């Protein structure tokens, strides 16, 4: 398992453009923060772009301190597969996500909010 952190939505979008033509290095799973500081658009728009402009093929969801149902519905409509609410006790949420990961990867899992 390896993790990579990117500094902007635009940086992520450039990588997904590249992976359209050469999938080497394309991630299996992407966690997108709802509020991407310094970016032209939010995490929900990044999820939409990854899913609809560059082809899906990755498990993708949002992570946020917000549990606003309107934002969660927007994320679902954009193609997110999950929403993880950030907190000091995030480990149980990540463990629950991991227990469903196979279903997400095979596209058999429904949208889930981990609170």
Protein backbone atom coordinates (compact mmCIF):
# COMPACT_ATOMS: atom_id res chain seq x y z
CA UNK A 1 0.00 0.00 0.00
CA UNK A 2 1.31 3.40 -0.89
CA UNK A 3 -0.19 6.83 -0.43
CA UNK A 4 0.36 10.00 -2.38
CA UNK A 5 -0.88 13.45 -1.47
CA UNK A 6 -1.54 16.11 -4.08
CA UNK A 7 -1.76 19.82 -3.45
CA UNK A 8 -4.60 20.82 -5.79
CA UNK A 9 -7.54 19.62 -7.83
CA UNK A 10 -5.76 20.83 -10.94
CA UNK A 11 -2.73 18.65 -10.15
CA UNK A 12 -5.00 15.62 -9.74
CA UNK A 13 -6.81 16.41 -12.97
CA UNK A 14 -3.51 16.60 -14.89
CA UNK A 15 -2.54 13.16 -13.59
CA UNK A 16 -5.88 11.66 -14.62
CA UNK A 17 -5.49 13.19 -18.10
CA UNK A 18 -2.11 11.45 -18.34
CA UNK A 19 -3.50 8.13 -17.07
CA UNK A 20 -6.14 8.15 -19.81
CA UNK A 21 -3.38 7.36 -22.29
CA UNK A 22 -0.92 5.55 -20.05
CA UNK A 23 -2.52 3.89 -16.99
CA UNK A 24 0.86 3.06 -15.42
CA UNK A 25 0.76 4.45 -11.90
CA UNK A 26 -3.01 5.07 -11.90
CA UNK A 27 -4.34 4.62 -8.35
CA UNK A 28 -6.89 2.02 -7.31
CA UNK A 29 -8.54 4.36 -4.82
CA UNK A 30 -8.80 8.12 -4.46
CA UNK A 31 -9.85 10.06 -1.37
CA UNK A 32 -10.84 13.61 -2.24
CA UNK A 33 -11.23 16.35 0.35
CA UNK A 34 -14.44 18.33 -0.08
CA UNK A 35 -12.66 21.67 0.29
CA UNK A 36 -9.46 21.73 -1.70
CA UNK A 37 -7.68 24.89 -0.59
CA UNK A 38 -6.16 26.88 -3.42
CA UNK A 39 -8.08 25.08 -6.17
CA UNK A 40 -10.47 26.49 -8.73
CA UNK A 41 -13.17 23.97 -7.76
CA UNK A 42 -14.20 21.75 -4.88
CA UNK A 43 -13.76 18.04 -4.31
CA UNK A 44 -17.19 17.14 -5.68
CA UNK A 45 -16.32 18.78 -9.00
CA UNK A 46 -13.01 16.88 -9.04
CA UNK A 47 -14.87 13.59 -8.50
CA UNK A 48 -17.24 14.48 -11.35
CA UNK A 49 -14.35 15.29 -13.66
CA UNK A 50 -12.45 12.11 -12.81
CA UNK A 51 -15.55 9.98 -13.40
CA UNK A 52 -16.98 11.62 -16.49
CA UNK A 53 -14.05 13.23 -18.31
CA UNK A 54 -11.26 10.74 -17.74
CA UNK A 55 -13.07 7.48 -17.27
CA UNK A 56 -13.76 5.95 -13.93
CA UNK A 57 -11.99 2.73 -13.06
CA UNK A 58 -10.95 3.89 -9.59
CA UNK A 59 -12.69 3.65 -6.26
CA UNK A 60 -13.39 7.28 -5.40
CA UNK A 61 -15.01 9.11 -2.53
CA UNK A 62 -14.95 12.20 -0.42
CA UNK A 63 -13.62 12.89 3.00
CA UNK A 64 -14.88 15.90 4.93
CA UNK A 65 -15.72 17.17 8.37
CA UNK A 66 -19.15 18.01 6.93
CA UNK A 67 -22.08 15.62 6.98
CA UNK A 68 -24.40 17.99 5.08
CA UNK A 69 -26.97 15.82 3.25
CA UNK A 70 -27.08 18.25 0.30
CA UNK A 71 -23.31 17.99 -0.22
CA UNK A 72 -23.43 14.22 0.23
CA UNK A 73 -26.16 13.94 -2.44
CA UNK A 74 -24.10 16.14 -4.81
CA UNK A 75 -21.12 13.82 -4.27
CA UNK A 76 -23.23 10.76 -5.01
CA UNK A 77 -24.56 12.37 -8.21
CA UNK A 78 -20.97 13.18 -9.24
CA UNK A 79 -20.11 9.49 -9.03
CA UNK A 80 -18.56 9.22 -5.58
CA UNK A 81 -18.89 5.80 -4.03
CA UNK A 82 -18.48 6.81 -0.41
CA UNK A 83 -18.26 9.73 2.02
CA UNK A 84 -16.12 9.57 5.14
CA UNK A 85 -16.74 12.11 7.90
CA UNK A 86 -13.43 13.30 9.36
CA UNK A 87 -12.97 13.44 13.09
CA UNK A 88 -10.42 12.63 15.78
CA UNK A 89 -11.82 9.06 15.76
CA UNK A 90 -11.54 8.37 12.02
CA UNK A 91 -9.92 4.92 12.32
CA UNK A 92 -13.22 3.02 12.83
CA UNK A 93 -14.63 4.72 9.72
CA UNK A 94 -11.60 3.77 7.67
CA UNK A 95 -11.84 0.18 8.91
CA UNK A 96 -15.52 0.06 7.93
CA UNK A 97 -14.61 1.46 4.50
CA UNK A 98 -11.89 -1.18 4.08
CA UNK A 99 -14.33 -3.95 4.94
CA UNK A 100 -16.45 -2.82 1.97
CA UNK A 101 -13.55 -2.11 -0.38
CA UNK A 102 -13.94 -5.27 -2.48
CA UNK A 103 -17.54 -4.33 -3.22
CA UNK A 104 -16.50 -0.81 -4.23
CA UNK A 105 -13.75 -2.15 -6.47
CA UNK A 106 -16.15 -4.54 -8.24
CA UNK A 107 -18.81 -1.79 -8.45
CA UNK A 108 -21.23 -3.91 -6.39
CA UNK A 109 -21.27 -1.68 -3.33
CA UNK A 110 -23.84 1.03 -2.87
CA UNK A 111 -22.99 4.56 -1.83
CA UNK A 112 -22.13 4.64 1.85
CA UNK A 113 -21.64 7.42 4.38
CA UNK A 114 -19.21 6.56 7.18
CA UNK A 115 -20.11 8.64 10.24
